[in-house]
Amino acid sequence: MKVTINVECTPEEARTFFGLPDVKPIQESMMTEMQKRMEAGMSSMDVENLMKAWMPGANMGSMPGLEQFQKMFWDSMTAATSAATGKTKK
């Protein structure tokens, strides 16, 4: 036996029915705070600070994270090419 029940309700009605908390006020306050922080960050935006934020550990002299990524990329490309041509790396 198969029974199907269709319920039409809004998300708010479903949340209330199941006893879930209304997080809309918290979400709105968090979004407002996030917007303020993003606007403050945009006003003081410069390349050096952006790179420090996006690539932790990177300094202006070198970027070890980028170098490691490039090495991993080229190693995987070499391995894929070797596998496709049947040659092994010596």
PDB file of N, CA and C in Angstrom:
ATOM      1  N   MET A   1       0.846  -1.167   0.000  1.00  0.00           N
ATOM      2  CA  MET A   1       0.000   0.000   0.000  1.00  0.00           C
ATOM      3  C   MET A   1       0.898   1.238   0.000  1.00  0.00           C
ATOM      4  N   LYS A   2       0.505   2.202  -0.779  1.00  0.00           N
ATOM      5  CA  LYS A   2       1.264   3.443  -0.870  1.00  0.00           C
ATOM      6  C   LYS A   2       0.320   4.609  -0.592  1.00  0.00           C
ATOM      7  N   VAL A   3       0.742   5.469   0.331  1.00  0.00           N
ATOM      8  CA  VAL A   3      -0.068   6.622   0.682  1.00  0.00           C
ATOM      9  C   VAL A   3       0.742   7.876   0.392  1.00  0.00           C
ATOM     10  N   THR A   4       0.148   8.829  -0.294  1.00  0.00           N
ATOM     11  CA  THR A   4       0.802  10.083  -0.608  1.00  0.00           C
ATOM     12  C   THR A   4       0.001  11.222  -0.006  1.00  0.00           C
ATOM     13  N   ILE A   5       0.702  12.090   0.713  1.00  0.00           N
ATOM     14  CA  ILE A   5       0.060  13.257   1.306  1.00  0.00           C
ATOM     15  C   ILE A   5       0.770  14.491   0.780  1.00  0.00           C
ATOM     16  N   ASN A   6       0.037  15.397   0.191  1.00  0.00           N
ATOM     17  CA  ASN A   6       0.582  16.661  -0.285  1.00  0.00           C
ATOM     18  C   ASN A   6       0.147  17.782   0.643  1.00  0.00           C
ATOM     19  N   VAL A   7       1.097  18.562   1.101  1.00  0.00           N
ATOM     20  CA  VAL A   7       0.800  19.671   1.996  1.00  0.00           C
ATOM     21  C   VAL A   7       1.285  20.948   1.328  1.00  0.00           C
ATOM     22  N   GLU A   8       0.411  21.914   1.224  1.00  0.00           N
ATOM     23  CA  GLU A   8       0.787  23.200   0.659  1.00  0.00           C
ATOM     24  C   GLU A   8       0.881  24.211   1.789  1.00  0.00           C
ATOM     25  N   CYS A   9       2.093  24.742   1.997  1.00  0.00           N
ATOM     26  CA  CYS A   9       2.290  25.765   3.018  1.00  0.00           C
ATOM     27  C   CYS A   9       3.544  26.553   2.687  1.00  0.00           C
ATOM     28  N   THR A  10       3.644  27.688   3.284  1.00  0.00           N
ATOM     29  CA  THR A  10       4.828  28.520   3.084  1.00  0.00           C
ATOM     30  C   THR A  10       5.954  27.997   3.976  1.00  0.00           C
ATOM     31  N   PRO A  11       7.198  28.355   3.683  1.00  0.00           N
ATOM     32  CA  PRO A  11       8.297  27.952   4.556  1.00  0.00           C
ATOM     33  C   PRO A  11       8.095  28.407   5.997  1.00  0.00           C
ATOM     34  N   GLU A  12       7.546  29.590   6.172  1.00  0.00           N
ATOM     35  CA  GLU A  12       7.296  30.098   7.526  1.00  0.00           C
ATOM     36  C   GLU A  12       6.271  29.224   8.258  1.00  0.00           C
ATOM     37  N   GLU A  13       5.206  28.820   7.556  1.00  0.00           N
ATOM     38  CA  GLU A  13       4.196  27.951   8.166  1.00  0.00           C
ATOM     39  C   GLU A  13       4.782  26.591   8.520  1.00  0.00           C
ATOM     40  N   ALA A  14       5.616  26.039   7.650  1.00  0.00           N
ATOM     41  CA  ALA A  14       6.249  24.747   7.921  1.00  0.00           C
ATOM     42  C   ALA A  14       7.183  24.846   9.121  1.00  0.00           C
ATOM     43  N   ARG A  15       7.961  25.917   9.187  1.00  0.00           N
ATOM     44  CA  ARG A  15       8.887  26.119  10.315  1.00  0.00           C
ATOM     45  C   ARG A  15       8.112  26.204  11.628  1.00  0.00           C
ATOM     46  N   THR A  16       7.010  26.931  11.635  1.00  0.00           N
ATOM     47  CA  THR A  16       6.184  27.066  12.837  1.00  0.00           C
ATOM     48  C   THR A  16       5.561  25.718  13.208  1.00  0.00           C
ATOM     49  N   PHE A  17       5.071  24.983  12.225  1.00  0.00           N
ATOM     50  CA  PHE A  17       4.447  23.685  12.474  1.00  0.00           C
ATOM     51  C   PHE A  17       5.417  22.708  13.133  1.00  0.00           C
ATOM     52  N   PHE A  18       6.671  22.690  12.646  1.00  0.00           N
ATOM     53  CA  PHE A  18       7.662  21.767  13.196  1.00  0.00           C
ATOM     54  C   PHE A  18       8.367  22.320  14.435  1.00  0.00           C
ATOM     55  N   GLY A  19       8.040  23.541  14.838  1.00  0.00           N
ATOM     56  CA  GLY A  19       8.617  24.108  16.050  1.00  0.00           C
ATOM     57  C   GLY A  19      10.041  24.606  15.886  1.00  0.00           C
ATOM     58  N   LEU A  20      10.428  24.899  14.668  1.00  0.00           N
ATOM     59  CA  LEU A  20      11.780  25.404  14.422  1.00  0.00           C
ATOM     60  C   LEU A  20      11.842  26.897  14.709  1.00  0.00           C
ATOM     61  N   PRO A  21      12.987  27.385  15.158  1.00  0.00           N
ATOM     62  CA  PRO A  21      13.086  28.808  15.496  1.00  0.00           C
ATOM     63  C   PRO A  21      13.104  29.690  14.246  1.00  0.00           C
ATOM     64  N   ASP A  22      12.643  30.900  14.418  1.00  0.00           N
ATOM     65  CA  ASP A  22      12.680  31.886  13.336  1.00  0.00           C
ATOM     66  C   ASP A  22      14.029  32.601  13.413  1.00  0.00           C
ATOM     67  N   VAL A  23      14.899  32.349  12.460  1.00  0.00           N
ATOM     68  CA  VAL A  23      16.249  32.923  12.479  1.00  0.00           C
ATOM     69  C   VAL A  23      16.366  34.151  11.587  1.00  0.00           C
ATOM     70  N   LYS A  24      15.259  34.618  11.058  1.00  0.00           N
ATOM     71  CA  LYS A  24      15.287  35.762  10.144  1.00  0.00           C
ATOM     72  C   LYS A  24      15.896  37.017  10.784  1.00  0.00           C
ATOM     73  N   PRO A  25      15.543  37.392  12.043  1.00  0.00           N
ATOM     74  CA  PRO A  25      16.156  38.582  12.641  1.00  0.00           C
ATOM     75  C   PRO A  25      17.672  38.445  12.809  1.00  0.00           C
ATOM     76  N   ILE A  26      18.114  37.258  13.189  1.00  0.00           N
ATOM     77  CA  ILE A  26      19.560  37.030  13.348  1.00  0.00           C
ATOM     78  C   ILE A  26      20.249  37.114  11.996  1.00  0.00           C
ATOM     79  N   GLN A  27      19.644  36.503  10.994  1.00  0.00           N
ATOM     80  CA  GLN A  27      20.217  36.523   9.652  1.00  0.00           C
ATOM     81  C   GLN A  27      20.312  37.949   9.114  1.00  0.00           C
ATOM     82  N   GLU A  28      19.286  38.748   9.335  1.00  0.00           N
ATOM     83  CA  GLU A  28      19.305  40.133   8.866  1.00  0.00           C
ATOM     84  C   GLU A  28      20.398  40.940   9.552  1.00  0.00           C
ATOM     85  N   SER A  29      20.561  40.751  10.870  1.00  0.00           N
ATOM     86  CA  SER A  29      21.604  41.498  11.576  1.00  0.00           C
ATOM     87  C   SER A  29      22.994  41.050  11.135  1.00  0.00           C
ATOM     88  N   MET A  30      23.171  39.763  10.879  1.00  0.00           N
ATOM     89  CA  MET A  30      24.464  39.272  10.412  1.00  0.00           C
ATOM     90  C   MET A  30      24.782  39.802   9.012  1.00  0.00           C
ATOM     91  N   MET A  31      23.786  39.843   8.151  1.00  0.00           N
ATOM     92  CA  MET A  31      23.998  40.360   6.806  1.00  0.00           C
ATOM     93  C   MET A  31      24.329  41.848   6.837  1.00  0.00           C
ATOM     94  N   THR A  32      23.696  42.599   7.723  1.00  0.00           N
ATOM     95  CA  THR A  32      23.989  44.025   7.862  1.00  0.00           C
ATOM     96  C   THR A  32      25.425  44.223   8.325  1.00  0.00           C
ATOM     97  N   GLU A  33      25.842  43.455   9.326  1.00  0.00           N
ATOM     98  CA  GLU A  33      27.215  43.546   9.831  1.00  0.00           C
ATOM     99  C   GLU A  33      28.219  43.141   8.757  1.00  0.00           C
ATOM    100  N   MET A  34      27.900  42.101   8.017  1.00  0.00           N
ATOM    101  CA  MET A  34      28.783  41.641   6.947  1.00  0.00           C
ATOM    102  C   MET A  34      28.925  42.710   5.860  1.00  0.00           C
ATOM    103  N   GLN A  35      27.828  43.362   5.531  1.00  0.00           N
ATOM    104  CA  GLN A  35      27.856  44.420   4.526  1.00  0.00           C
ATOM    105  C   GLN A  35      28.725  45.587   5.000  1.00  0.00           C
ATOM    106  N   LYS A  36      28.601  45.966   6.273  1.00  0.00           N
ATOM    107  CA  LYS A  36      29.424  47.051   6.821  1.00  0.00           C
ATOM    108  C   LYS A  36      30.902  46.706   6.714  1.00  0.00           C
ATOM    109  N   ARG A  37      31.251  45.478   7.079  1.00  0.00           N
ATOM    110  CA  ARG A  37      32.659  45.062   7.030  1.00  0.00           C
ATOM    111  C   ARG A  37      33.192  45.022   5.602  1.00  0.00           C
ATOM    112  N   MET A  38      32.361  44.564   4.673  1.00  0.00           N
ATOM    113  CA  MET A  38      32.794  44.522   3.274  1.00  0.00           C
ATOM    114  C   MET A  38      32.998  45.927   2.726  1.00  0.00           C
ATOM    115  N   GLU A  39      32.106  46.843   3.067  1.00  0.00           N
ATOM    116  CA  GLU A  39      32.249  48.225   2.610  1.00  0.00           C
ATOM    117  C   GLU A  39      33.493  48.872   3.207  1.00  0.00           C
ATOM    118  N   ALA A  40      33.780  48.586   4.473  1.00  0.00           N
ATOM    119  CA  ALA A  40      34.988  49.131   5.105  1.00  0.00           C
ATOM    120  C   ALA A  40      36.234  48.552   4.441  1.00  0.00           C
ATOM    121  N   GLY A  41      36.190  47.285   4.089  1.00  0.00           N
ATOM    122  CA  GLY A  41      37.321  46.652   3.417  1.00  0.00           C
ATOM    123  C   GLY A  41      37.533  47.173   2.008  1.00  0.00           C
ATOM    124  N   MET A  42      36.437  47.480   1.329  1.00  0.00           N
ATOM    125  CA  MET A  42      36.538  47.982  -0.039  1.00  0.00           C
ATOM    126  C   MET A  42      37.175  49.371  -0.072  1.00  0.00           C
ATOM    127  N   SER A  43      36.934  50.176   0.962  1.00  0.00           N
ATOM    128  CA  SER A  43      37.478  51.526   0.961  1.00  0.00           C
ATOM    129  C   SER A  43      38.992  51.522   1.168  1.00  0.00           C
ATOM    130  N   SER A  44      39.492  50.505   1.850  1.00  0.00           N
ATOM    131  CA  SER A  44      40.939  50.440   2.082  1.00  0.00           C
ATOM    132  C   SER A  44      41.586  49.361   1.225  1.00  0.00           C
ATOM    133  N   MET A  45      41.017  49.106   0.067  1.00  0.00           N
ATOM    134  CA  MET A  45      41.488  48.018  -0.780  1.00  0.00           C
ATOM    135  C   MET A  45      42.781  48.408  -1.503  1.00  0.00           C
ATOM    136  N   ASP A  46      43.812  47.615  -1.296  1.00  0.00           N
ATOM    137  CA  ASP A  46      45.015  47.741  -2.092  1.00  0.00           C
ATOM    138  C   ASP A  46      45.538  46.333  -2.381  1.00  0.00           C
ATOM    139  N   VAL A  47      46.342  46.200  -3.396  1.00  0.00           N
ATOM    140  CA  VAL A  47      46.766  44.898  -3.902  1.00  0.00           C
ATOM    141  C   VAL A  47      47.529  44.100  -2.852  1.00  0.00           C
ATOM    142  N   GLU A  48      48.418  44.731  -2.134  1.00  0.00           N
ATOM    143  CA  GLU A  48      49.226  44.007  -1.151  1.00  0.00           C
ATOM    144  C   GLU A  48      48.360  43.368  -0.071  1.00  0.00           C
ATOM    145  N   ASN A  49      47.424  44.121   0.483  1.00  0.00           N
ATOM    146  CA  ASN A  49      46.554  43.572   1.519  1.00  0.00           C
ATOM    147  C   ASN A  49      45.619  42.501   0.974  1.00  0.00           C
ATOM    148  N   LEU A  50      45.149  42.674  -0.269  1.00  0.00           N
ATOM    149  CA  LEU A  50      44.312  41.651  -0.880  1.00  0.00           C
ATOM    150  C   LEU A  50      45.074  40.339  -1.026  1.00  0.00           C
ATOM    151  N   MET A  51      46.311  40.412  -1.507  1.00  0.00           N
ATOM    152  CA  MET A  51      47.105  39.202  -1.692  1.00  0.00           C
ATOM    153  C   MET A  51      47.400  38.532  -0.353  1.00  0.00           C
ATOM    154  N   LYS A  52      47.648  39.313   0.676  1.00  0.00           N
ATOM    155  CA  LYS A  52      47.888  38.736   2.003  1.00  0.00           C
ATOM    156  C   LYS A  52      46.639  38.035   2.514  1.00  0.00           C
ATOM    157  N   ALA A  53      45.476  38.617   2.254  1.00  0.00           N
ATOM    158  CA  ALA A  53      44.227  38.014   2.712  1.00  0.00           C
ATOM    159  C   ALA A  53      43.891  36.750   1.924  1.00  0.00           C
ATOM    160  N   TRP A  54      44.130  36.789   0.617  1.00  0.00           N
ATOM    161  CA  TRP A  54      43.768  35.659  -0.225  1.00  0.00           C
ATOM    162  C   TRP A  54      44.790  34.534  -0.172  1.00  0.00           C
ATOM    163  N   MET A  55      46.043  34.858   0.053  1.00  0.00           N
ATOM    164  CA  MET A  55      47.102  33.850   0.054  1.00  0.00           C
ATOM    165  C   MET A  55      47.899  33.957   1.345  1.00  0.00           C
ATOM    166  N   PRO A  56      47.394  33.390   2.433  1.00  0.00           N
ATOM    167  CA  PRO A  56      48.125  33.489   3.687  1.00  0.00           C
ATOM    168  C   PRO A  56      49.517  32.868   3.553  1.00  0.00           C
ATOM    169  N   GLY A  57      50.477  33.481   4.172  1.00  0.00           N
ATOM    170  CA  GLY A  57      51.843  32.979   4.102  1.00  0.00           C
ATOM    171  C   GLY A  57      52.620  33.555   2.937  1.00  0.00           C
ATOM    172  N   ALA A  58      51.927  34.236   2.041  1.00  0.00           N
ATOM    173  CA  ALA A  58      52.619  34.816   0.894  1.00  0.00           C
ATOM    174  C   ALA A  58      53.155  36.192   1.275  1.00  0.00           C
ATOM    175  N   ASN A  59      54.393  36.435   0.953  1.00  0.00           N
ATOM    176  CA  ASN A  59      54.917  37.785   1.151  1.00  0.00           C
ATOM    177  C   ASN A  59      55.220  38.366  -0.217  1.00  0.00           C
ATOM    178  N   MET A  60      55.621  39.603  -0.261  1.00  0.00           N
ATOM    179  CA  MET A  60      55.805  40.265  -1.549  1.00  0.00           C
ATOM    180  C   MET A  60      57.000  39.716  -2.323  1.00  0.00           C
ATOM    181  N   GLY A  61      57.969  39.100  -1.633  1.00  0.00           N
ATOM    182  CA  GLY A  61      59.143  38.566  -2.319  1.00  0.00           C
ATOM    183  C   GLY A  61      58.862  37.285  -3.076  1.00  0.00           C
ATOM    184  N   SER A  62      58.055  36.424  -2.499  1.00  0.00           N
ATOM    185  CA  SER A  62      57.744  35.154  -3.159  1.00  0.00           C
ATOM    186  C   SER A  62      56.379  34.682  -2.711  1.00  0.00           C
ATOM    187  N   MET A  63      55.825  33.752  -3.462  1.00  0.00           N
ATOM    188  CA  MET A  63      54.526  33.196  -3.142  1.00  0.00           C
ATOM    189  C   MET A  63      54.650  31.686  -3.092  1.00  0.00           C
ATOM    190  N   PRO A  64      54.999  31.120  -1.936  1.00  0.00           N
ATOM    191  CA  PRO A  64      55.189  29.677  -1.866  1.00  0.00           C
ATOM    192  C   PRO A  64      53.931  28.890  -2.210  1.00  0.00           C
ATOM    193  N   GLY A  65      52.764  29.394  -1.865  1.00  0.00           N
ATOM    194  CA  GLY A  65      51.523  28.694  -2.188  1.00  0.00           C
ATOM    195  C   GLY A  65      51.334  28.576  -3.688  1.00  0.00           C
ATOM    196  N   LEU A  66      51.620  29.650  -4.418  1.00  0.00           N
ATOM    197  CA  LEU A  66      51.480  29.648  -5.864  1.00  0.00           C
ATOM    198  C   LEU A  66      52.515  28.729  -6.505  1.00  0.00           C
ATOM    199  N   GLU A  67      53.733  28.761  -5.998  1.00  0.00           N
ATOM    200  CA  GLU A  67      54.783  27.892  -6.534  1.00  0.00           C
ATOM    201  C   GLU A  67      54.440  26.424  -6.329  1.00  0.00           C
ATOM    202  N   GLN A  68      53.902  26.088  -5.169  1.00  0.00           N
ATOM    203  CA  GLN A  68      53.507  24.705  -4.899  1.00  0.00           C
ATOM    204  C   GLN A  68      52.368  24.285  -5.832  1.00  0.00           C
ATOM    205  N   PHE A  69      51.432  25.178  -6.055  1.00  0.00           N
ATOM    206  CA  PHE A  69      50.323  24.870  -6.953  1.00  0.00           C
ATOM    207  C   PHE A  69      50.835  24.635  -8.377  1.00  0.00           C
ATOM    208  N   GLN A  70      51.758  25.495  -8.845  1.00  0.00           N
ATOM    209  CA  GLN A  70      52.309  25.330 -10.188  1.00  0.00           C
ATOM    210  C   GLN A  70      53.055  24.009 -10.315  1.00  0.00           C
ATOM    211  N   LYS A  71      53.843  23.660  -9.301  1.00  0.00           N
ATOM    212  CA  LYS A  71      54.597  22.400  -9.332  1.00  0.00           C
ATOM    213  C   LYS A  71      53.632  21.213  -9.384  1.00  0.00           C
ATOM    214  N   MET A  72      52.583  21.241  -8.553  1.00  0.00           N
ATOM    215  CA  MET A  72      51.596  20.167  -8.546  1.00  0.00           C
ATOM    216  C   MET A  72      50.917  20.064  -9.915  1.00  0.00           C
ATOM    217  N   PHE A  73      50.582  21.206 -10.508  1.00  0.00           N
ATOM    218  CA  PHE A  73      49.933  21.223 -11.818  1.00  0.00           C
ATOM    219  C   PHE A  73      50.828  20.596 -12.883  1.00  0.00           C
ATOM    220  N   TRP A  74      52.094  21.034 -12.938  1.00  0.00           N
ATOM    221  CA  TRP A  74      52.985  20.521 -13.962  1.00  0.00           C
ATOM    222  C   TRP A  74      53.320  19.045 -13.737  1.00  0.00           C
ATOM    223  N   ASP A  75      53.448  18.628 -12.491  1.00  0.00           N
ATOM    224  CA  ASP A  75      53.687  17.207 -12.213  1.00  0.00           C
ATOM    225  C   ASP A  75      52.520  16.352 -12.675  1.00  0.00           C
ATOM    226  N   SER A  76      51.305  16.819 -12.424  1.00  0.00           N
ATOM    227  CA  SER A  76      50.141  16.040 -12.846  1.00  0.00           C
ATOM    228  C   SER A  76      50.009  16.034 -14.375  1.00  0.00           C
ATOM    229  N   MET A  77      50.334  17.158 -15.022  1.00  0.00           N
ATOM    230  CA  MET A  77      50.293  17.194 -16.488  1.00  0.00           C
ATOM    231  C   MET A  77      51.333  16.259 -17.086  1.00  0.00           C
ATOM    232  N   THR A  78      52.533  16.242 -16.503  1.00  0.00           N
ATOM    233  CA  THR A  78      53.588  15.358 -16.989  1.00  0.00           C
ATOM    234  C   THR A  78      53.178  13.904 -16.820  1.00  0.00           C
ATOM    235  N   ALA A  79      52.599  13.571 -15.670  1.00  0.00           N
ATOM    236  CA  ALA A  79      52.168  12.199 -15.419  1.00  0.00           C
ATOM    237  C   ALA A  79      51.061  11.796 -16.388  1.00  0.00           C
ATOM    238  N   ALA A  80      50.127  12.706 -16.648  1.00  0.00           N
ATOM    239  CA  ALA A  80      49.028  12.400 -17.569  1.00  0.00           C
ATOM    240  C   ALA A  80      49.549  12.209 -18.990  1.00  0.00           C
ATOM    241  N   THR A  81      50.487  13.045 -19.394  1.00  0.00           N
ATOM    242  CA  THR A  81      51.063  12.930 -20.733  1.00  0.00           C
ATOM    243  C   THR A  81      51.843  11.631 -20.874  1.00  0.00           C
ATOM    244  N   SER A  82      52.601  11.301 -19.838  1.00  0.00           N
ATOM    245  CA  SER A  82      53.376  10.065 -19.857  1.00  0.00           C
ATOM    246  C   SER A  82      52.463   8.852 -19.928  1.00  0.00           C
ATOM    247  N   ALA A  83      51.389   8.868 -19.171  1.00  0.00           N
ATOM    248  CA  ALA A  83      50.445   7.753 -19.181  1.00  0.00           C
ATOM    249  C   ALA A  83      49.765   7.624 -20.541  1.00  0.00           C
ATOM    250  N   ALA A  84      49.459   8.746 -21.166  1.00  0.00           N
ATOM    251  CA  ALA A  84      48.769   8.730 -22.463  1.00  0.00           C
ATOM    252  C   ALA A  84      49.676   8.238 -23.580  1.00  0.00           C
ATOM    253  N   THR A  85      50.977   8.560 -23.506  1.00  0.00           N
ATOM    254  CA  THR A  85      51.900   8.152 -24.562  1.00  0.00           C
ATOM    255  C   THR A  85      52.582   6.825 -24.253  1.00  0.00           C
ATOM    256  N   GLY A  86      52.389   6.333 -23.035  1.00  0.00           N
ATOM    257  CA  GLY A  86      52.981   5.055 -22.650  1.00  0.00           C
ATOM    258  C   GLY A  86      54.427   5.176 -22.195  1.00  0.00           C
ATOM    259  N   LYS A  87      54.942   6.384 -22.078  1.00  0.00           N
ATOM    260  CA  LYS A  87      56.307   6.611 -21.621  1.00  0.00           C
ATOM    261  C   LYS A  87      56.313   6.808 -20.121  1.00  0.00           C
ATOM    262  N   THR A  88      57.391   6.434 -19.492  1.00  0.00           N
ATOM    263  CA  THR A  88      57.541   6.646 -18.057  1.00  0.00           C
ATOM    264  C   THR A  88      58.570   7.718 -17.829  1.00  0.00           C
ATOM    265  N   LYS A  89      58.402   8.457 -16.771  1.00  0.00           N
ATOM    266  CA  LYS A  89      59.320   9.533 -16.425  1.00  0.00           C
ATOM    267  C   LYS A  89      60.579   8.951 -15.797  1.00  0.00           C
ATOM    268  N   LYS A  90      61.755   9.397 -16.278  1.00  0.00           N
ATOM    269  CA  LYS A  90      63.026   8.895 -15.753  1.00  0.00           C
ATOM    270  C   LYS A  90      63.656   9.890 -14.862  1.00  0.00           C
TER     271      LYS A  90
END
